[in-house]
Amino acid sequence: MGNVTLEVGPGESGLLARQAEASPAFQLKRILAPIDFSECSKKALQYAVAFGAQFQASVALLYVIEIPYGNPEVPLIELDQWQTQMRENGEAKLKNLLNENGFQSISTEPLIRMGNPYREIIQIAKDKEIDLIVLSTHGHSGFSRLIMGSTAERVVRHAPCPVLVVREHEHDFVEGSAGIKRFLGEHPSFG
């Protein structure tokens, strides 16, 4: 059981070889890892780094600053100052994150955008021709999900590429930066 016999005619011998050439192996060149600096998003980043190392792919880290709408009493000047401060804080956090976790083995690109997180994630994925988005979900359910919506769910529905959603409390196959190094060391085919 399990054996298949295939007979090909005189002019068909190259058919299987051409079919194999037409379907290339699974490849990742560009990975997008949205991050909000929560522990859950850092967990998703660990997966993005592991895939980046395995496939020698670049990893774009995206921090989206949500603009607080709805308070007409906040002067425009204060909003500009707030945006500048949030951008500077985001740049510093991304720089620290990249330095702390030893991303030297992969190509990274820190990105900061302002706006709606899911829209910015989708737009960056399209603009940069991302092959895989790796993001976290905080596992909201019921009323909080109804009110807040789910960025991860919207990204999955609208993404132009596959999405790996890392849940906050699930079985992990990658752990922390030390875990990534240990995992890659134990699985040389991933490095």
C-alpha atoms as a PDB file:
ATOM      1  CA  MET A   1       0.000   0.000   0.000  1.00  0.00           C
ATOM      2  CA  GLY A   2       1.205   3.535  -0.673  1.00  0.00           C
ATOM      3  CA  ASN A   3       2.906   2.803  -4.001  1.00  0.00           C
ATOM      4  CA  VAL A   4       1.758   4.481  -7.161  1.00  0.00           C
ATOM      5  CA  THR A   5       2.795   3.462 -10.641  1.00  0.00           C
ATOM      6  CA  LEU A   6       2.636   6.023 -13.388  1.00  0.00           C
ATOM      7  CA  GLU A   7       3.235   5.279 -17.023  1.00  0.00           C
ATOM      8  CA  VAL A   8       4.202   8.095 -19.358  1.00  0.00           C
ATOM      9  CA  GLY A   9       4.348   8.073 -23.089  1.00  0.00           C
ATOM     10  CA  PRO A  10       7.400   8.831 -25.273  1.00  0.00           C
ATOM     11  CA  GLY A  11       6.879  12.625 -25.374  1.00  0.00           C
ATOM     12  CA  GLU A  12       5.743  12.952 -21.759  1.00  0.00           C
ATOM     13  CA  SER A  13       8.857  12.050 -19.784  1.00  0.00           C
ATOM     14  CA  GLY A  14       9.686  15.693 -19.027  1.00  0.00           C
ATOM     15  CA  LEU A  15       6.153  16.421 -17.813  1.00  0.00           C
ATOM     16  CA  LEU A  16       6.850  15.557 -14.174  1.00  0.00           C
ATOM     17  CA  ALA A  17      10.118  17.469 -14.132  1.00  0.00           C
ATOM     18  CA  ARG A  18       8.404  20.575 -15.525  1.00  0.00           C
ATOM     19  CA  GLN A  19       5.635  20.257 -12.937  1.00  0.00           C
ATOM     20  CA  ALA A  20       8.198  20.091 -10.113  1.00  0.00           C
ATOM     21  CA  GLU A  21       9.943  23.196 -11.474  1.00  0.00           C
ATOM     22  CA  ALA A  22       6.643  25.055 -11.774  1.00  0.00           C
ATOM     23  CA  SER A  23       5.840  24.717  -8.057  1.00  0.00           C
ATOM     24  CA  PRO A  24       8.737  26.263  -6.117  1.00  0.00           C
ATOM     25  CA  ALA A  25       9.464  25.384  -2.502  1.00  0.00           C
ATOM     26  CA  PHE A  26       7.841  27.409   0.246  1.00  0.00           C
ATOM     27  CA  GLN A  27       9.818  30.641   0.617  1.00  0.00           C
ATOM     28  CA  LEU A  28       9.610  33.668   2.861  1.00  0.00           C
ATOM     29  CA  LYS A  29      11.493  36.831   1.983  1.00  0.00           C
ATOM     30  CA  ARG A  30       9.668  39.476   4.006  1.00  0.00           C
ATOM     31  CA  ILE A  31       7.912  39.009   7.360  1.00  0.00           C
ATOM     32  CA  LEU A  32       5.857  41.664   9.126  1.00  0.00           C
ATOM     33  CA  ALA A  33       5.700  41.623  12.929  1.00  0.00           C
ATOM     34  CA  PRO A  34       3.331  44.255  14.328  1.00  0.00           C
ATOM     35  CA  ILE A  35       4.270  45.093  17.919  1.00  0.00           C
ATOM     36  CA  ASP A  36       2.679  47.139  20.683  1.00  0.00           C
ATOM     37  CA  PHE A  37       5.371  46.176  23.233  1.00  0.00           C
ATOM     38  CA  SER A  38       2.956  44.005  25.237  1.00  0.00           C
ATOM     39  CA  GLU A  39       4.226  40.610  26.337  1.00  0.00           C
ATOM     40  CA  CYS A  40       1.841  38.963  23.903  1.00  0.00           C
ATOM     41  CA  SER A  41       3.197  40.926  20.926  1.00  0.00           C
ATOM     42  CA  LYS A  42       6.762  40.173  22.025  1.00  0.00           C
ATOM     43  CA  LYS A  43       5.815  36.492  22.018  1.00  0.00           C
ATOM     44  CA  ALA A  44       4.637  36.816  18.400  1.00  0.00           C
ATOM     45  CA  LEU A  45       7.887  38.594  17.558  1.00  0.00           C
ATOM     46  CA  GLN A  46       9.802  35.536  18.771  1.00  0.00           C
ATOM     47  CA  TYR A  47       8.024  33.468  16.131  1.00  0.00           C
ATOM     48  CA  ALA A  48       8.748  36.069  13.441  1.00  0.00           C
ATOM     49  CA  VAL A  49      12.442  36.012  14.358  1.00  0.00           C
ATOM     50  CA  ALA A  50      12.556  32.205  14.259  1.00  0.00           C
ATOM     51  CA  PHE A  51      10.951  32.182  10.796  1.00  0.00           C
ATOM     52  CA  GLY A  52      13.270  34.999   9.701  1.00  0.00           C
ATOM     53  CA  ALA A  53      16.302  32.981  10.780  1.00  0.00           C
ATOM     54  CA  GLN A  54      15.021  29.787   9.173  1.00  0.00           C
ATOM     55  CA  PHE A  55      14.214  31.336   5.805  1.00  0.00           C
ATOM     56  CA  GLN A  56      16.846  34.090   5.849  1.00  0.00           C
ATOM     57  CA  ALA A  57      13.965  36.542   5.535  1.00  0.00           C
ATOM     58  CA  SER A  58      13.891  40.160   6.628  1.00  0.00           C
ATOM     59  CA  VAL A  59      11.584  41.084   9.495  1.00  0.00           C
ATOM     60  CA  ALA A  60       9.801  44.439   9.554  1.00  0.00           C
ATOM     61  CA  LEU A  61       8.755  45.435  13.070  1.00  0.00           C
ATOM     62  CA  LEU A  62       5.728  47.718  12.906  1.00  0.00           C
ATOM     63  CA  TYR A  63       4.607  49.907  15.800  1.00  0.00           C
ATOM     64  CA  VAL A  64       1.338  51.724  15.140  1.00  0.00           C
ATOM     65  CA  ILE A  65       0.456  54.754  17.229  1.00  0.00           C
ATOM     66  CA  GLU A  66      -3.296  55.098  17.537  1.00  0.00           C
ATOM     67  CA  ILE A  67      -4.404  58.713  17.319  1.00  0.00           C
ATOM     68  CA  PRO A  68      -6.886  59.597  20.089  1.00  0.00           C
ATOM     69  CA  TYR A  69      -9.943  60.999  18.364  1.00  0.00           C
ATOM     70  CA  GLY A  70     -13.045  62.401  19.951  1.00  0.00           C
ATOM     71  CA  ASN A  71     -11.901  65.071  22.422  1.00  0.00           C
ATOM     72  CA  PRO A  72     -12.536  68.481  20.829  1.00  0.00           C
ATOM     73  CA  GLU A  73     -11.179  70.240  23.923  1.00  0.00           C
ATOM     74  CA  VAL A  74      -7.628  69.023  23.306  1.00  0.00           C
ATOM     75  CA  PRO A  75      -5.844  71.775  21.381  1.00  0.00           C
ATOM     76  CA  LEU A  76      -4.260  70.812  18.068  1.00  0.00           C
ATOM     77  CA  ILE A  77      -0.826  71.908  19.337  1.00  0.00           C
ATOM     78  CA  GLU A  78      -1.024  69.432  22.226  1.00  0.00           C
ATOM     79  CA  LEU A  79      -1.965  66.660  19.798  1.00  0.00           C
ATOM     80  CA  ASP A  80       1.077  67.477  17.649  1.00  0.00           C
ATOM     81  CA  GLN A  81       3.319  67.400  20.721  1.00  0.00           C
ATOM     82  CA  TRP A  82       1.737  64.130  21.829  1.00  0.00           C
ATOM     83  CA  GLN A  83       2.306  62.570  18.391  1.00  0.00           C
ATOM     84  CA  THR A  84       5.945  63.693  18.388  1.00  0.00           C
ATOM     85  CA  GLN A  85       6.476  62.301  21.878  1.00  0.00           C
ATOM     86  CA  MET A  86       4.779  58.991  21.005  1.00  0.00           C
ATOM     87  CA  ARG A  87       6.898  58.640  17.858  1.00  0.00           C
ATOM     88  CA  GLU A  88      10.113  59.309  19.811  1.00  0.00           C
ATOM     89  CA  ASN A  89       9.069  56.839  22.525  1.00  0.00           C
ATOM     90  CA  GLY A  90       8.245  54.233  19.870  1.00  0.00           C
ATOM     91  CA  GLU A  91      11.597  54.709  18.128  1.00  0.00           C
ATOM     92  CA  ALA A  92      13.439  54.321  21.446  1.00  0.00           C
ATOM     93  CA  LYS A  93      11.456  51.195  22.377  1.00  0.00           C
ATOM     94  CA  LEU A  94      12.067  49.605  18.969  1.00  0.00           C
ATOM     95  CA  LYS A  95      15.781  50.384  19.189  1.00  0.00           C
ATOM     96  CA  ASN A  96      15.996  48.875  22.689  1.00  0.00           C
ATOM     97  CA  LEU A  97      14.021  45.818  21.618  1.00  0.00           C
ATOM     98  CA  LEU A  98      16.334  45.214  18.661  1.00  0.00           C
ATOM     99  CA  ASN A  99      19.448  45.672  20.829  1.00  0.00           C
ATOM    100  CA  GLU A 100      18.196  43.509  23.714  1.00  0.00           C
ATOM    101  CA  ASN A 101      17.145  40.511  21.689  1.00  0.00           C
ATOM    102  CA  GLY A 102      20.153  40.097  19.428  1.00  0.00           C
ATOM    103  CA  PHE A 103      18.530  40.462  16.026  1.00  0.00           C
ATOM    104  CA  GLN A 104      21.950  40.671  14.370  1.00  0.00           C
ATOM    105  CA  SER A 105      21.447  37.304  12.659  1.00  0.00           C
ATOM    106  CA  ILE A 106      18.525  38.600  10.580  1.00  0.00           C
ATOM    107  CA  SER A 107      17.747  41.716   8.584  1.00  0.00           C
ATOM    108  CA  THR A 108      15.285  43.986  10.395  1.00  0.00           C
ATOM    109  CA  GLU A 109      13.432  47.160   9.531  1.00  0.00           C
ATOM    110  CA  PRO A 110      11.767  49.150  12.315  1.00  0.00           C
ATOM    111  CA  LEU A 111       8.645  51.012  11.155  1.00  0.00           C
ATOM    112  CA  ILE A 112       6.402  53.487  12.948  1.00  0.00           C
ATOM    113  CA  ARG A 113       3.035  54.584  11.611  1.00  0.00           C
ATOM    114  CA  MET A 114       0.148  56.583  13.021  1.00  0.00           C
ATOM    115  CA  GLY A 115      -3.443  55.550  12.507  1.00  0.00           C
ATOM    116  CA  ASN A 116      -5.681  52.540  12.851  1.00  0.00           C
ATOM    117  CA  PRO A 117      -3.539  49.457  13.625  1.00  0.00           C
ATOM    118  CA  TYR A 118      -5.262  46.974  11.344  1.00  0.00           C
ATOM    119  CA  ARG A 119      -5.381  49.408   8.410  1.00  0.00           C
ATOM    120  CA  GLU A 120      -1.696  50.270   8.815  1.00  0.00           C
ATOM    121  CA  ILE A 121      -0.741  46.581   9.058  1.00  0.00           C
ATOM    122  CA  ILE A 122      -2.653  45.791   5.854  1.00  0.00           C
ATOM    123  CA  GLN A 123      -1.196  48.788   4.002  1.00  0.00           C
ATOM    124  CA  ILE A 124       2.403  47.971   5.003  1.00  0.00           C
ATOM    125  CA  ALA A 125       1.844  44.337   3.978  1.00  0.00           C
ATOM    126  CA  LYS A 126       0.728  45.501   0.538  1.00  0.00           C
ATOM    127  CA  ASP A 127       3.345  48.239   0.101  1.00  0.00           C
ATOM    128  CA  LYS A 128       6.278  46.056   1.149  1.00  0.00           C
ATOM    129  CA  GLU A 129       5.010  42.853  -0.524  1.00  0.00           C
ATOM    130  CA  ILE A 130       5.072  40.969   2.782  1.00  0.00           C
ATOM    131  CA  ASP A 131       5.021  37.158   2.560  1.00  0.00           C
ATOM    132  CA  LEU A 132       3.857  36.464   6.138  1.00  0.00           C
ATOM    133  CA  ILE A 133       2.369  38.526   8.963  1.00  0.00           C
ATOM    134  CA  VAL A 134       3.032  37.247  12.482  1.00  0.00           C
ATOM    135  CA  LEU A 135       0.897  38.957  15.100  1.00  0.00           C
ATOM    136  CA  SER A 136      -0.566  38.347  18.509  1.00  0.00           C
ATOM    137  CA  THR A 137      -4.044  38.273  19.851  1.00  0.00           C
ATOM    138  CA  HIS A 138      -4.901  39.097  23.413  1.00  0.00           C
ATOM    139  CA  GLY A 139      -7.774  36.637  23.309  1.00  0.00           C
ATOM    140  CA  HIS A 140     -10.633  39.069  23.947  1.00  0.00           C
ATOM    141  CA  SER A 141     -14.018  37.413  23.900  1.00  0.00           C
ATOM    142  CA  GLY A 142     -17.614  38.324  24.479  1.00  0.00           C
ATOM    143  CA  PHE A 143     -18.436  41.931  25.305  1.00  0.00           C
ATOM    144  CA  SER A 144     -14.854  43.298  25.189  1.00  0.00           C
ATOM    145  CA  ARG A 145     -14.387  41.867  21.696  1.00  0.00           C
ATOM    146  CA  LEU A 146     -17.731  43.271  20.572  1.00  0.00           C
ATOM    147  CA  ILE A 147     -16.853  46.757  21.826  1.00  0.00           C
ATOM    148  CA  MET A 148     -13.138  46.841  20.956  1.00  0.00           C
ATOM    149  CA  GLY A 149     -13.129  44.699  17.847  1.00  0.00           C
ATOM    150  CA  SER A 150     -10.226  42.448  17.059  1.00  0.00           C
ATOM    151  CA  THR A 151      -7.231  43.787  15.192  1.00  0.00           C
ATOM    152  CA  ALA A 152      -5.999  40.233  14.588  1.00  0.00           C
ATOM    153  CA  GLU A 153      -9.361  39.148  13.181  1.00  0.00           C
ATOM    154  CA  ARG A 154      -9.502  42.125  10.815  1.00  0.00           C
ATOM    155  CA  VAL A 155      -5.941  41.526   9.656  1.00  0.00           C
ATOM    156  CA  VAL A 156      -6.713  37.861   8.964  1.00  0.00           C
ATOM    157  CA  ARG A 157      -9.777  38.837   6.922  1.00  0.00           C
ATOM    158  CA  HIS A 158      -8.082  41.552   4.847  1.00  0.00           C
ATOM    159  CA  ALA A 159      -4.399  40.596   4.631  1.00  0.00           C
ATOM    160  CA  PRO A 160      -2.853  40.146   1.185  1.00  0.00           C
ATOM    161  CA  CYS A 161      -0.729  37.254   2.522  1.00  0.00           C
ATOM    162  CA  PRO A 162      -0.849  34.428   5.086  1.00  0.00           C
ATOM    163  CA  VAL A 163      -1.158  35.417   8.751  1.00  0.00           C
ATOM    164  CA  LEU A 164       0.165  33.506  11.750  1.00  0.00           C
ATOM    165  CA  VAL A 165      -1.771  34.498  14.862  1.00  0.00           C
ATOM    166  CA  VAL A 166       0.030  33.747  18.125  1.00  0.00           C
ATOM    167  CA  ARG A 167      -2.286  33.393  21.079  1.00  0.00           C
ATOM    168  CA  GLU A 168      -1.357  34.671  24.491  1.00  0.00           C
ATOM    169  CA  HIS A 169      -1.821  31.382  26.377  1.00  0.00           C
ATOM    170  CA  GLU A 170      -1.140  28.397  24.156  1.00  0.00           C
ATOM    171  CA  HIS A 171       1.447  25.678  23.704  1.00  0.00           C
ATOM    172  CA  ASP A 172       4.591  27.333  22.408  1.00  0.00           C
ATOM    173  CA  PHE A 173       7.221  25.855  20.174  1.00  0.00           C
ATOM    174  CA  VAL A 174       9.440  28.940  20.469  1.00  0.00           C
ATOM    175  CA  GLU A 175      10.408  30.602  23.766  1.00  0.00           C
ATOM    176  CA  GLY A 176      12.156  33.937  24.509  1.00  0.00           C
ATOM    177  CA  SER A 177      15.339  35.043  22.778  1.00  0.00           C
ATOM    178  CA  ALA A 178      17.340  32.421  24.683  1.00  0.00           C
ATOM    179  CA  GLY A 179      14.700  29.900  23.641  1.00  0.00           C
ATOM    180  CA  ILE A 180      15.056  30.961  20.012  1.00  0.00           C
ATOM    181  CA  LYS A 181      18.819  30.427  20.143  1.00  0.00           C
ATOM    182  CA  ARG A 182      18.354  27.068  21.899  1.00  0.00           C
ATOM    183  CA  PHE A 183      15.665  26.040  19.394  1.00  0.00           C
ATOM    184  CA  LEU A 184      17.806  27.017  16.419  1.00  0.00           C
ATOM    185  CA  GLY A 185      20.823  25.262  17.940  1.00  0.00           C
ATOM    186  CA  GLU A 186      18.834  22.056  18.465  1.00  0.00           C
ATOM    187  CA  HIS A 187      17.375  22.259  14.952  1.00  0.00           C
ATOM    188  CA  PRO A 188      20.239  23.173  12.604  1.00  0.00           C
ATOM    189  CA  SER A 189      17.934  23.008   9.586  1.00  0.00           C
ATOM    190  CA  PHE A 190      16.240  26.147  10.962  1.00  0.00           C
ATOM    191  CA  GLY A 191      19.422  28.226  10.837  1.00  0.00           C
END
